[in-house]
């Protein structure tokens, strides 16, 4: 289940996708919070965020790696 949230998440350490480049389109950023993994659009850092539980995030990453 995802939990949409708002706020800038400035207390979190955000990591940009390895597919993002300085000279091309930006993508997503991920931050690891104590009980959730946060995801946001790197072009809209002040915009909404999605929160995933650790098991849901692991399932997504596994699925994405296979496709």
C-alpha atoms as a PDB file:
ATOM      1  CA  UNK A   1       0.000   0.000   0.000  1.00  0.00           C
ATOM      2  CA  UNK A   2       1.272   3.474  -0.766  1.00  0.00           C
ATOM      3  CA  UNK A   3       0.692   6.494   1.426  1.00  0.00           C
ATOM      4  CA  UNK A   4       0.766   9.822  -0.403  1.00  0.00           C
ATOM      5  CA  UNK A   5       2.315  12.571   1.684  1.00  0.00           C
ATOM      6  CA  UNK A   6       3.240  16.180   1.181  1.00  0.00           C
ATOM      7  CA  UNK A   7       6.036  18.290   2.515  1.00  0.00           C
ATOM      8  CA  UNK A   8       9.583  18.869   1.517  1.00  0.00           C
ATOM      9  CA  UNK A   9      11.105  15.976   3.471  1.00  0.00           C
ATOM     10  CA  UNK A  10      14.147  18.121   4.151  1.00  0.00           C
ATOM     11  CA  UNK A  11      15.191  15.992   7.150  1.00  0.00           C
ATOM     12  CA  UNK A  12      15.591  12.960   4.885  1.00  0.00           C
ATOM     13  CA  UNK A  13      18.691  12.096   2.864  1.00  0.00           C
ATOM     14  CA  UNK A  14      17.439  11.883  -0.733  1.00  0.00           C
ATOM     15  CA  UNK A  15      19.213   9.836  -3.428  1.00  0.00           C
ATOM     16  CA  UNK A  16      18.625  10.532  -7.116  1.00  0.00           C
ATOM     17  CA  UNK A  17      18.040   7.701  -9.550  1.00  0.00           C
ATOM     18  CA  UNK A  18      21.157   6.477 -11.325  1.00  0.00           C
ATOM     19  CA  UNK A  19      19.238   7.048 -14.581  1.00  0.00           C
ATOM     20  CA  UNK A  20      19.081  10.792 -13.871  1.00  0.00           C
ATOM     21  CA  UNK A  21      21.785  12.943 -15.385  1.00  0.00           C
ATOM     22  CA  UNK A  22      22.679  16.609 -15.134  1.00  0.00           C
ATOM     23  CA  UNK A  23      22.218  17.090 -18.893  1.00  0.00           C
ATOM     24  CA  UNK A  24      19.064  15.004 -19.359  1.00  0.00           C
ATOM     25  CA  UNK A  25      15.652  14.480 -17.862  1.00  0.00           C
ATOM     26  CA  UNK A  26      15.553  13.967 -14.151  1.00  0.00           C
ATOM     27  CA  UNK A  27      13.668  11.077 -12.664  1.00  0.00           C
ATOM     28  CA  UNK A  28      12.945  10.036  -9.100  1.00  0.00           C
ATOM     29  CA  UNK A  29      14.620  10.384  -5.732  1.00  0.00           C
ATOM     30  CA  UNK A  30      14.418   7.925  -2.861  1.00  0.00           C
ATOM     31  CA  UNK A  31      14.892   8.447   0.883  1.00  0.00           C
ATOM     32  CA  UNK A  32      14.927   5.833   3.604  1.00  0.00           C
ATOM     33  CA  UNK A  33      12.922   6.719   6.719  1.00  0.00           C
ATOM     34  CA  UNK A  34      12.670   4.501   9.823  1.00  0.00           C
ATOM     35  CA  UNK A  35       9.528   2.644   8.716  1.00  0.00           C
ATOM     36  CA  UNK A  36       9.067   3.724   5.100  1.00  0.00           C
ATOM     37  CA  UNK A  37      10.868   4.269   1.847  1.00  0.00           C
ATOM     38  CA  UNK A  38       9.941   7.670   0.398  1.00  0.00           C
ATOM     39  CA  UNK A  39       9.835   8.398  -3.329  1.00  0.00           C
ATOM     40  CA  UNK A  40       9.408  11.782  -5.024  1.00  0.00           C
ATOM     41  CA  UNK A  41       9.756  13.402  -8.443  1.00  0.00           C
ATOM     42  CA  UNK A  42      13.217  14.964  -8.570  1.00  0.00           C
ATOM     43  CA  UNK A  43      11.868  17.886 -10.618  1.00  0.00           C
ATOM     44  CA  UNK A  44       9.276  18.640  -7.914  1.00  0.00           C
ATOM     45  CA  UNK A  45      11.191  18.155  -4.681  1.00  0.00           C
ATOM     46  CA  UNK A  46       8.634  20.245  -2.790  1.00  0.00           C
ATOM     47  CA  UNK A  47       5.755  18.211  -4.261  1.00  0.00           C
ATOM     48  CA  UNK A  48       4.030  15.071  -3.015  1.00  0.00           C
ATOM     49  CA  UNK A  49       5.838  11.953  -1.924  1.00  0.00           C
ATOM     50  CA  UNK A  50       4.879   8.307  -1.847  1.00  0.00           C
ATOM     51  CA  UNK A  51       5.691   6.133   1.149  1.00  0.00           C
ATOM     52  CA  UNK A  52       6.211   2.383   0.861  1.00  0.00           C
ATOM     53  CA  UNK A  53       6.705  -0.194   3.570  1.00  0.00           C
ATOM     54  CA  UNK A  54       9.992  -2.121   3.398  1.00  0.00           C
ATOM     55  CA  UNK A  55       8.347  -5.290   2.049  1.00  0.00           C
ATOM     56  CA  UNK A  56       6.428  -3.407  -0.644  1.00  0.00           C
ATOM     57  CA  UNK A  57       9.591  -1.555  -1.686  1.00  0.00           C
ATOM     58  CA  UNK A  58      11.585  -4.792  -1.882  1.00  0.00           C
ATOM     59  CA  UNK A  59       8.843  -6.378  -4.018  1.00  0.00           C
ATOM     60  CA  UNK A  60       8.823  -3.369  -6.360  1.00  0.00           C
ATOM     61  CA  UNK A  61      12.604  -3.300  -6.750  1.00  0.00           C
ATOM     62  CA  UNK A  62      12.668  -7.047  -7.431  1.00  0.00           C
ATOM     63  CA  UNK A  63       9.905  -6.687 -10.026  1.00  0.00           C
ATOM     64  CA  UNK A  64      11.567  -3.682 -11.687  1.00  0.00           C
ATOM     65  CA  UNK A  65      14.914  -5.490 -11.887  1.00  0.00           C
ATOM     66  CA  UNK A  66      13.264  -8.388 -13.709  1.00  0.00           C
ATOM     67  CA  UNK A  67      11.524  -6.189 -16.286  1.00  0.00           C
END
